[in-house]
Amino acid sequence: HAANMQKFLAGIRLPDGRTALREIVHHKGAAAVVPVDDEGYVYLVRQHRVALDLMTLEIPAGKLDYVGEPHIACAERELQEETGLKCEKLEHLTDLVTTPAFCTEKIGIFLATGLSQHETHLDDDEFIDVVKMPLTEAVQLVMRGELPDAKTIAGVLMAWQKLHGPEACK
């Protein structure tokens, strides 16, 4: 996926006037979506992540098709591609900066409601299992440290708070 990211060395000026080199990865961005149905179930995707050699359970997500693509369009596409779901409402929760120390990636995270099931459209290199569970169970997994993916942690907790109100966090 070299076309999706470019890595380079940047010379920067430090606060004390010296210069230093920093590696910076330019990433075109991504979107992620927390699909929650009318019964309070969330749909997560289980997939192998090569960089960590780990099976992860995450909210559906994917890279923008091009620089400047609206995050909401990407979120809607990834929701259907990975889970086969379409939604009546897609609500922006946050923009997550994944690794600001060296990468420009920003992930727009959305809450999808009013779900209906359709066919999946996985990319040729995607092997994904959809896992449906109560949103409350996903929150418990996050709080036990069993869902280590940052966008999933943020998305699940923000969706819970959005659907259950500010008092849910107290």
N, C-alpha and C. Protein backbone atom coordinates (compact mmCIF):
# COMPACT_ATOMS: atom_id res chain seq x y z
N HIS A 1 0.82 -1.20 0.00
CA HIS A 1 0.00 0.00 0.00
C HIS A 1 0.87 1.26 0.00
N ALA A 2 1.96 1.20 -0.71
CA ALA A 2 2.88 2.34 -0.76
C ALA A 2 2.22 3.59 -1.30
N ALA A 3 1.22 3.42 -2.17
CA ALA A 3 0.54 4.58 -2.71
C ALA A 3 -0.27 5.31 -1.66
N ASN A 4 -0.59 4.63 -0.57
CA ASN A 4 -1.40 5.24 0.49
C ASN A 4 -0.57 6.08 1.45
N MET A 5 0.72 5.81 1.52
CA MET A 5 1.56 6.51 2.49
C MET A 5 2.90 6.86 1.86
N GLN A 6 3.48 7.95 2.31
CA GLN A 6 4.82 8.33 1.91
C GLN A 6 5.60 8.66 3.16
N LYS A 7 6.81 8.10 3.24
CA LYS A 7 7.67 8.34 4.40
C LYS A 7 8.86 9.17 3.95
N PHE A 8 9.21 10.17 4.77
CA PHE A 8 10.38 10.97 4.44
C PHE A 8 11.01 11.52 5.71
N LEU A 9 12.23 12.01 5.58
CA LEU A 9 12.93 12.66 6.68
C LEU A 9 12.71 14.16 6.57
N ALA A 10 12.38 14.77 7.69
CA ALA A 10 12.17 16.22 7.71
C ALA A 10 13.16 16.85 8.68
N GLY A 11 13.78 17.92 8.25
CA GLY A 11 14.63 18.69 9.15
C GLY A 11 13.76 19.68 9.91
N ILE A 12 13.85 19.65 11.21
CA ILE A 12 13.05 20.56 12.03
C ILE A 12 13.96 21.38 12.93
N ARG A 13 13.47 22.54 13.34
CA ARG A 13 14.21 23.38 14.27
C ARG A 13 13.65 23.15 15.67
N LEU A 14 14.54 22.79 16.59
CA LEU A 14 14.16 22.55 17.98
C LEU A 14 14.00 23.87 18.72
N PRO A 15 13.31 23.88 19.85
CA PRO A 15 13.12 25.12 20.61
C PRO A 15 14.43 25.83 20.99
N ASP A 16 15.51 25.06 21.14
CA ASP A 16 16.79 25.68 21.52
C ASP A 16 17.61 26.14 20.32
N GLY A 17 17.02 26.04 19.09
CA GLY A 17 17.70 26.53 17.90
C GLY A 17 18.43 25.47 17.10
N ARG A 18 18.71 24.33 17.70
CA ARG A 18 19.37 23.24 16.96
C ARG A 18 18.39 22.63 15.96
N THR A 19 18.93 21.89 14.99
CA THR A 19 18.07 21.18 14.04
C THR A 19 18.19 19.68 14.28
N ALA A 20 17.16 18.98 13.89
CA ALA A 20 17.14 17.52 14.04
C ALA A 20 16.32 16.93 12.91
N LEU A 21 16.56 15.66 12.63
CA LEU A 21 15.80 14.95 11.61
C LEU A 21 14.67 14.17 12.27
N ARG A 22 13.53 14.14 11.63
CA ARG A 22 12.39 13.36 12.09
C ARG A 22 11.82 12.59 10.91
N GLU A 23 11.47 11.33 11.14
CA GLU A 23 10.76 10.55 10.14
C GLU A 23 9.28 10.90 10.22
N ILE A 24 8.68 11.20 9.08
CA ILE A 24 7.26 11.53 9.04
C ILE A 24 6.60 10.68 7.97
N VAL A 25 5.50 10.06 8.32
CA VAL A 25 4.71 9.29 7.37
C VAL A 25 3.49 10.11 7.02
N HIS A 26 3.33 10.42 5.73
CA HIS A 26 2.15 11.12 5.26
C HIS A 26 1.11 10.08 4.84
N HIS A 27 -0.04 10.14 5.46
CA HIS A 27 -1.13 9.19 5.23
C HIS A 27 -2.35 9.97 4.77
N LYS A 28 -3.06 9.47 3.76
CA LYS A 28 -4.19 10.24 3.23
C LYS A 28 -5.41 10.24 4.12
N GLY A 29 -5.43 9.41 5.15
CA GLY A 29 -6.53 9.42 6.10
C GLY A 29 -7.41 8.19 5.97
N ALA A 30 -8.35 8.07 6.89
CA ALA A 30 -9.22 6.90 6.95
C ALA A 30 -10.52 7.28 7.64
N ALA A 31 -11.44 6.33 7.64
CA ALA A 31 -12.71 6.50 8.35
C ALA A 31 -13.05 5.19 9.02
N ALA A 32 -13.79 5.30 10.12
CA ALA A 32 -14.23 4.12 10.86
C ALA A 32 -15.66 4.36 11.31
N VAL A 33 -16.37 3.28 11.54
CA VAL A 33 -17.79 3.41 11.86
C VAL A 33 -18.19 2.40 12.93
N VAL A 34 -19.00 2.88 13.88
CA VAL A 34 -19.54 2.03 14.95
C VAL A 34 -21.00 1.76 14.58
N PRO A 35 -21.29 0.58 14.01
CA PRO A 35 -22.66 0.27 13.63
C PRO A 35 -23.42 -0.33 14.82
N VAL A 36 -24.49 0.32 15.24
CA VAL A 36 -25.29 -0.15 16.37
C VAL A 36 -26.73 -0.29 15.90
N ASP A 37 -27.29 -1.50 16.05
CA ASP A 37 -28.66 -1.73 15.59
C ASP A 37 -29.69 -1.31 16.64
N ASP A 38 -30.96 -1.44 16.29
CA ASP A 38 -32.05 -0.98 17.16
C ASP A 38 -32.13 -1.75 18.47
N GLU A 39 -31.54 -2.95 18.51
CA GLU A 39 -31.55 -3.77 19.74
C GLU A 39 -30.32 -3.51 20.61
N GLY A 40 -29.43 -2.60 20.17
CA GLY A 40 -28.25 -2.27 20.96
C GLY A 40 -27.05 -3.17 20.69
N TYR A 41 -27.05 -3.87 19.56
CA TYR A 41 -25.90 -4.70 19.19
C TYR A 41 -24.96 -3.92 18.30
N VAL A 42 -23.66 -4.11 18.51
CA VAL A 42 -22.64 -3.50 17.68
C VAL A 42 -22.02 -4.58 16.80
N TYR A 43 -21.60 -4.19 15.61
CA TYR A 43 -20.99 -5.11 14.66
C TYR A 43 -19.51 -4.77 14.56
N LEU A 44 -18.66 -5.73 14.92
CA LEU A 44 -17.21 -5.55 14.86
C LEU A 44 -16.65 -6.52 13.82
N VAL A 45 -15.43 -6.27 13.39
CA VAL A 45 -14.80 -7.16 12.41
C VAL A 45 -13.53 -7.76 13.02
N ARG A 46 -13.40 -9.08 12.83
CA ARG A 46 -12.20 -9.80 13.29
C ARG A 46 -11.33 -10.03 12.07
N GLN A 47 -10.07 -9.60 12.20
CA GLN A 47 -9.14 -9.77 11.09
C GLN A 47 -7.71 -9.88 11.59
N HIS A 48 -6.85 -10.46 10.75
CA HIS A 48 -5.44 -10.58 11.09
C HIS A 48 -4.72 -9.29 10.70
N ARG A 49 -3.95 -8.75 11.64
CA ARG A 49 -3.15 -7.56 11.39
C ARG A 49 -1.69 -7.98 11.28
N VAL A 50 -1.15 -7.89 10.08
CA VAL A 50 0.18 -8.41 9.77
C VAL A 50 1.26 -7.72 10.59
N ALA A 51 1.18 -6.41 10.76
CA ALA A 51 2.24 -5.66 11.46
C ALA A 51 2.45 -6.19 12.87
N LEU A 52 1.38 -6.63 13.52
CA LEU A 52 1.47 -7.14 14.89
C LEU A 52 1.36 -8.66 14.95
N ASP A 53 1.10 -9.31 13.81
CA ASP A 53 0.82 -10.74 13.74
C ASP A 53 -0.21 -11.11 14.80
N LEU A 54 -1.35 -10.41 14.73
CA LEU A 54 -2.37 -10.52 15.76
C LEU A 54 -3.76 -10.50 15.13
N MET A 55 -4.65 -11.35 15.65
CA MET A 55 -6.06 -11.28 15.27
C MET A 55 -6.69 -10.19 16.13
N THR A 56 -7.34 -9.24 15.50
CA THR A 56 -7.93 -8.13 16.25
C THR A 56 -9.44 -8.10 16.04
N LEU A 57 -10.13 -7.48 16.96
CA LEU A 57 -11.55 -7.22 16.85
C LEU A 57 -11.69 -5.70 16.84
N GLU A 58 -12.21 -5.15 15.73
CA GLU A 58 -12.21 -3.71 15.52
C GLU A 58 -13.55 -3.25 14.96
N ILE A 59 -13.78 -1.94 15.05
CA ILE A 59 -14.90 -1.37 14.32
C ILE A 59 -14.52 -1.35 12.83
N PRO A 60 -15.48 -1.46 11.92
CA PRO A 60 -15.17 -1.42 10.49
C PRO A 60 -14.48 -0.10 10.13
N ALA A 61 -13.47 -0.20 9.29
CA ALA A 61 -12.69 0.99 8.93
C ALA A 61 -11.94 0.75 7.63
N GLY A 62 -11.50 1.84 7.04
CA GLY A 62 -10.67 1.73 5.85
C GLY A 62 -10.10 3.07 5.44
N LYS A 63 -9.14 3.01 4.53
CA LYS A 63 -8.46 4.21 4.05
C LYS A 63 -9.35 5.00 3.09
N LEU A 64 -9.15 6.30 3.06
CA LEU A 64 -9.79 7.13 2.06
C LEU A 64 -9.32 6.68 0.68
N ASP A 65 -10.19 6.75 -0.31
CA ASP A 65 -9.80 6.37 -1.68
C ASP A 65 -8.88 7.40 -2.30
N TYR A 66 -8.99 8.66 -1.87
CA TYR A 66 -8.14 9.71 -2.43
C TYR A 66 -8.03 10.84 -1.40
N VAL A 67 -6.97 11.61 -1.50
CA VAL A 67 -6.79 12.74 -0.61
C VAL A 67 -7.96 13.70 -0.81
N GLY A 68 -8.61 14.06 0.26
CA GLY A 68 -9.74 14.97 0.18
C GLY A 68 -11.09 14.28 0.10
N GLU A 69 -11.12 12.94 0.00
CA GLU A 69 -12.41 12.26 0.02
C GLU A 69 -13.08 12.54 1.36
N PRO A 70 -14.36 12.87 1.38
CA PRO A 70 -15.02 13.11 2.66
C PRO A 70 -15.00 11.85 3.53
N HIS A 71 -14.64 12.01 4.79
CA HIS A 71 -14.57 10.87 5.70
C HIS A 71 -15.91 10.14 5.78
N ILE A 72 -17.01 10.88 5.71
CA ILE A 72 -18.33 10.26 5.83
C ILE A 72 -18.61 9.32 4.65
N ALA A 73 -18.15 9.67 3.46
CA ALA A 73 -18.33 8.80 2.30
C ALA A 73 -17.53 7.52 2.46
N CYS A 74 -16.32 7.64 2.96
CA CYS A 74 -15.49 6.47 3.21
C CYS A 74 -16.11 5.58 4.28
N ALA A 75 -16.64 6.17 5.34
CA ALA A 75 -17.26 5.40 6.42
C ALA A 75 -18.44 4.60 5.90
N GLU A 76 -19.27 5.23 5.09
CA GLU A 76 -20.44 4.55 4.52
C GLU A 76 -20.01 3.38 3.63
N ARG A 77 -19.00 3.61 2.81
CA ARG A 77 -18.48 2.56 1.91
C ARG A 77 -17.91 1.39 2.70
N GLU A 78 -17.06 1.69 3.70
CA GLU A 78 -16.43 0.63 4.48
C GLU A 78 -17.44 -0.17 5.29
N LEU A 79 -18.48 0.50 5.80
CA LEU A 79 -19.53 -0.20 6.52
C LEU A 79 -20.15 -1.28 5.64
N GLN A 80 -20.51 -0.92 4.42
CA GLN A 80 -21.14 -1.90 3.53
C GLN A 80 -20.14 -2.94 3.05
N GLU A 81 -18.93 -2.51 2.68
CA GLU A 81 -17.94 -3.47 2.18
C GLU A 81 -17.63 -4.55 3.21
N GLU A 82 -17.40 -4.14 4.45
CA GLU A 82 -16.91 -5.07 5.47
C GLU A 82 -18.01 -5.84 6.19
N THR A 83 -19.19 -5.24 6.34
CA THR A 83 -20.25 -5.89 7.12
C THR A 83 -21.51 -6.19 6.30
N GLY A 84 -21.65 -5.58 5.13
CA GLY A 84 -22.87 -5.71 4.36
C GLY A 84 -24.00 -4.83 4.87
N LEU A 85 -23.71 -3.98 5.84
CA LEU A 85 -24.73 -3.12 6.43
C LEU A 85 -24.82 -1.78 5.71
N LYS A 86 -26.05 -1.27 5.61
CA LYS A 86 -26.29 0.12 5.21
C LYS A 86 -26.99 0.77 6.39
N CYS A 87 -26.90 2.10 6.46
CA CYS A 87 -27.50 2.81 7.59
C CYS A 87 -28.36 3.96 7.12
N GLU A 88 -29.36 4.29 7.95
CA GLU A 88 -30.20 5.45 7.68
C GLU A 88 -29.55 6.73 8.19
N LYS A 89 -28.74 6.60 9.27
CA LYS A 89 -28.12 7.76 9.89
C LYS A 89 -26.65 7.47 10.17
N LEU A 90 -25.79 8.42 9.79
CA LEU A 90 -24.36 8.33 10.03
C LEU A 90 -23.94 9.63 10.71
N GLU A 91 -23.55 9.53 11.97
CA GLU A 91 -23.28 10.71 12.79
C GLU A 91 -21.81 10.78 13.17
N HIS A 92 -21.19 11.92 12.93
CA HIS A 92 -19.77 12.11 13.25
C HIS A 92 -19.56 12.13 14.76
N LEU A 93 -18.64 11.31 15.23
CA LEU A 93 -18.30 11.29 16.66
C LEU A 93 -17.03 12.07 16.95
N THR A 94 -15.97 11.84 16.17
CA THR A 94 -14.70 12.53 16.40
C THR A 94 -13.75 12.30 15.24
N ASP A 95 -12.66 13.04 15.23
CA ASP A 95 -11.53 12.78 14.34
C ASP A 95 -10.38 12.38 15.24
N LEU A 96 -9.87 11.20 15.02
CA LEU A 96 -8.81 10.64 15.86
C LEU A 96 -7.47 10.77 15.14
N VAL A 97 -6.50 11.38 15.78
CA VAL A 97 -5.14 11.44 15.26
C VAL A 97 -4.41 10.23 15.84
N THR A 98 -4.02 9.31 14.98
CA THR A 98 -3.56 8.00 15.46
C THR A 98 -2.19 8.02 16.12
N THR A 99 -1.20 8.56 15.46
CA THR A 99 0.16 8.56 15.99
C THR A 99 0.84 9.88 15.65
N PRO A 100 0.52 10.94 16.38
CA PRO A 100 1.00 12.28 16.01
C PRO A 100 2.50 12.46 16.10
N ALA A 101 3.21 11.56 16.71
CA ALA A 101 4.66 11.69 16.81
C ALA A 101 5.35 11.53 15.47
N PHE A 102 4.75 10.74 14.55
CA PHE A 102 5.42 10.51 13.27
C PHE A 102 4.50 10.33 12.07
N CYS A 103 3.18 10.41 12.26
CA CYS A 103 2.27 10.11 11.16
C CYS A 103 1.14 11.14 11.10
N THR A 104 0.73 11.50 9.87
CA THR A 104 -0.32 12.49 9.68
C THR A 104 -1.72 11.88 9.62
N GLU A 105 -1.84 10.57 9.81
CA GLU A 105 -3.14 9.92 9.67
C GLU A 105 -4.18 10.48 10.63
N LYS A 106 -5.36 10.76 10.06
CA LYS A 106 -6.51 11.18 10.84
C LYS A 106 -7.67 10.28 10.44
N ILE A 107 -8.35 9.70 11.44
CA ILE A 107 -9.48 8.81 11.18
C ILE A 107 -10.76 9.49 11.65
N GLY A 108 -11.69 9.70 10.73
CA GLY A 108 -13.00 10.19 11.10
C GLY A 108 -13.81 9.01 11.62
N ILE A 109 -14.38 9.14 12.82
CA ILE A 109 -15.15 8.05 13.43
C ILE A 109 -16.62 8.45 13.48
N PHE A 110 -17.49 7.53 13.06
CA PHE A 110 -18.92 7.79 12.92
C PHE A 110 -19.74 6.72 13.63
N LEU A 111 -20.93 7.11 14.06
CA LEU A 111 -21.92 6.20 14.63
C LEU A 111 -22.98 5.96 13.55
N ALA A 112 -23.21 4.67 13.22
CA ALA A 112 -24.22 4.30 12.22
C ALA A 112 -25.41 3.67 12.92
N THR A 113 -26.60 4.17 12.63
CA THR A 113 -27.83 3.62 13.19
C THR A 113 -28.86 3.47 12.06
N GLY A 114 -29.97 2.80 12.37
CA GLY A 114 -30.96 2.51 11.35
C GLY A 114 -30.40 1.53 10.34
N LEU A 115 -29.86 0.42 10.84
CA LEU A 115 -29.12 -0.52 10.00
C LEU A 115 -30.03 -1.47 9.22
N SER A 116 -29.60 -1.84 8.03
CA SER A 116 -30.25 -2.89 7.25
C SER A 116 -29.16 -3.74 6.60
N GLN A 117 -29.41 -5.05 6.48
CA GLN A 117 -28.40 -5.99 5.99
C GLN A 117 -28.45 -6.11 4.47
N HIS A 118 -27.27 -6.06 3.85
CA HIS A 118 -27.11 -6.24 2.41
C HIS A 118 -25.89 -7.13 2.22
N GLU A 119 -25.35 -7.21 1.01
CA GLU A 119 -24.18 -8.05 0.75
C GLU A 119 -22.89 -7.31 1.08
N THR A 120 -21.87 -8.09 1.51
CA THR A 120 -20.54 -7.52 1.72
C THR A 120 -19.82 -7.41 0.38
N HIS A 121 -18.80 -6.57 0.33
CA HIS A 121 -17.98 -6.38 -0.87
C HIS A 121 -16.53 -6.24 -0.43
N LEU A 122 -15.95 -7.32 0.09
CA LEU A 122 -14.58 -7.26 0.60
C LEU A 122 -13.59 -7.07 -0.54
N ASP A 123 -12.49 -6.36 -0.24
CA ASP A 123 -11.39 -6.27 -1.19
C ASP A 123 -10.75 -7.65 -1.33
N ASP A 124 -10.03 -7.87 -2.43
CA ASP A 124 -9.42 -9.18 -2.68
C ASP A 124 -8.48 -9.63 -1.58
N ASP A 125 -7.86 -8.66 -0.88
CA ASP A 125 -6.88 -9.02 0.15
C ASP A 125 -7.45 -8.93 1.57
N GLU A 126 -8.79 -8.83 1.69
CA GLU A 126 -9.43 -8.74 3.01
C GLU A 126 -10.09 -10.07 3.37
N PHE A 127 -9.80 -10.55 4.57
CA PHE A 127 -10.42 -11.76 5.11
C PHE A 127 -10.96 -11.38 6.48
N ILE A 128 -12.27 -11.16 6.55
CA ILE A 128 -12.89 -10.56 7.72
C ILE A 128 -14.07 -11.41 8.18
N ASP A 129 -14.18 -11.58 9.49
CA ASP A 129 -15.37 -12.19 10.09
C ASP A 129 -16.11 -11.10 10.84
N VAL A 130 -17.41 -11.00 10.66
CA VAL A 130 -18.23 -10.03 11.37
C VAL A 130 -18.68 -10.66 12.69
N VAL A 131 -18.51 -9.91 13.78
CA VAL A 131 -18.90 -10.37 15.11
C VAL A 131 -19.93 -9.39 15.66
N LYS A 132 -21.10 -9.91 16.01
CA LYS A 132 -22.19 -9.09 16.55
C LYS A 132 -22.27 -9.35 18.05
N MET A 133 -22.30 -8.28 18.84
CA MET A 133 -22.40 -8.43 20.30
C MET A 133 -23.11 -7.21 20.87
N PRO A 134 -23.65 -7.34 22.08
CA PRO A 134 -24.24 -6.15 22.71
C PRO A 134 -23.19 -5.06 22.87
N LEU A 135 -23.57 -3.81 22.61
CA LEU A 135 -22.64 -2.70 22.78
C LEU A 135 -22.10 -2.68 24.21
N THR A 136 -22.92 -3.04 25.19
CA THR A 136 -22.46 -3.07 26.59
C THR A 136 -21.31 -4.06 26.76
N GLU A 137 -21.36 -5.17 26.05
CA GLU A 137 -20.27 -6.16 26.12
C GLU A 137 -18.99 -5.60 25.50
N ALA A 138 -19.14 -4.88 24.39
CA ALA A 138 -17.97 -4.27 23.75
C ALA A 138 -17.33 -3.24 24.68
N VAL A 139 -18.15 -2.47 25.40
CA VAL A 139 -17.63 -1.50 26.37
C VAL A 139 -16.86 -2.25 27.46
N GLN A 140 -17.39 -3.36 27.93
CA GLN A 140 -16.71 -4.15 28.96
C GLN A 140 -15.37 -4.69 28.44
N LEU A 141 -15.33 -5.14 27.19
CA LEU A 141 -14.07 -5.61 26.60
C LEU A 141 -13.05 -4.48 26.55
N VAL A 142 -13.49 -3.27 26.17
CA VAL A 142 -12.60 -2.11 26.15
C VAL A 142 -12.05 -1.86 27.55
N MET A 143 -12.93 -1.85 28.54
CA MET A 143 -12.51 -1.51 29.91
C MET A 143 -11.60 -2.59 30.52
N ARG A 144 -11.69 -3.81 30.02
CA ARG A 144 -10.79 -4.88 30.48
C ARG A 144 -9.49 -4.92 29.67
N GLY A 145 -9.35 -4.04 28.71
CA GLY A 145 -8.14 -4.01 27.89
C GLY A 145 -8.08 -5.09 26.84
N GLU A 146 -9.23 -5.65 26.47
CA GLU A 146 -9.25 -6.76 25.53
C GLU A 146 -9.50 -6.31 24.09
N LEU A 147 -9.73 -5.03 23.88
CA LEU A 147 -9.83 -4.45 22.53
C LEU A 147 -8.76 -3.36 22.43
N PRO A 148 -7.53 -3.71 22.06
CA PRO A 148 -6.43 -2.75 22.13
C PRO A 148 -6.38 -1.70 21.02
N ASP A 149 -7.21 -1.84 19.99
CA ASP A 149 -7.18 -0.91 18.86
C ASP A 149 -7.74 0.46 19.26
N ALA A 150 -6.96 1.50 19.04
CA ALA A 150 -7.32 2.85 19.51
C ALA A 150 -8.62 3.38 18.91
N LYS A 151 -8.82 3.20 17.61
CA LYS A 151 -10.05 3.72 16.99
C LYS A 151 -11.26 2.98 17.52
N THR A 152 -11.10 1.70 17.84
CA THR A 152 -12.19 0.90 18.38
C THR A 152 -12.51 1.32 19.80
N ILE A 153 -11.50 1.56 20.60
CA ILE A 153 -11.70 2.04 21.97
C ILE A 153 -12.48 3.36 21.94
N ALA A 154 -11.98 4.32 21.16
CA ALA A 154 -12.64 5.63 21.09
C ALA A 154 -14.05 5.50 20.54
N GLY A 155 -14.22 4.75 19.47
CA GLY A 155 -15.52 4.64 18.84
C GLY A 155 -16.55 3.97 19.72
N VAL A 156 -16.18 2.87 20.35
CA VAL A 156 -17.11 2.14 21.22
C VAL A 156 -17.53 3.00 22.41
N LEU A 157 -16.57 3.63 23.07
CA LEU A 157 -16.91 4.43 24.24
C LEU A 157 -17.71 5.67 23.87
N MET A 158 -17.37 6.31 22.75
CA MET A 158 -18.13 7.50 22.33
C MET A 158 -19.53 7.12 21.88
N ALA A 159 -19.68 5.99 21.19
CA ALA A 159 -21.01 5.54 20.77
C ALA A 159 -21.87 5.23 22.00
N TRP A 160 -21.28 4.57 22.99
CA TRP A 160 -22.01 4.25 24.22
C TRP A 160 -22.52 5.54 24.88
N GLN A 161 -21.63 6.52 25.00
CA GLN A 161 -22.00 7.78 25.64
C GLN A 161 -23.06 8.50 24.82
N LYS A 162 -22.93 8.50 23.51
CA LYS A 162 -23.89 9.18 22.63
C LYS A 162 -25.28 8.54 22.74
N LEU A 163 -25.32 7.22 22.81
CA LEU A 163 -26.60 6.52 22.85
C LEU A 163 -27.24 6.48 24.23
N HIS A 164 -26.40 6.60 25.29
CA HIS A 164 -26.93 6.47 26.65
C HIS A 164 -26.86 7.78 27.44
N GLY A 165 -26.35 8.84 26.83
CA GLY A 165 -26.31 10.15 27.46
C GLY A 165 -25.11 10.35 28.37
N PRO A 166 -24.84 11.59 28.77
CA PRO A 166 -23.67 11.93 29.57
C PRO A 166 -23.65 11.18 30.91
N GLU A 167 -24.82 10.86 31.44
CA GLU A 167 -24.88 10.17 32.74
C GLU A 167 -24.30 8.77 32.67
N ALA A 168 -24.22 8.19 31.44
CA ALA A 168 -23.70 6.83 31.28
C ALA A 168 -22.23 6.74 31.65
N CYS A 169 -21.53 7.86 31.63
CA CYS A 169 -20.09 7.85 31.90
C CYS A 169 -19.77 8.10 33.37
N LYS A 170 -20.80 8.31 34.19
CA LYS A 170 -20.53 8.64 35.59
C LYS A 170 -20.62 7.42 36.46
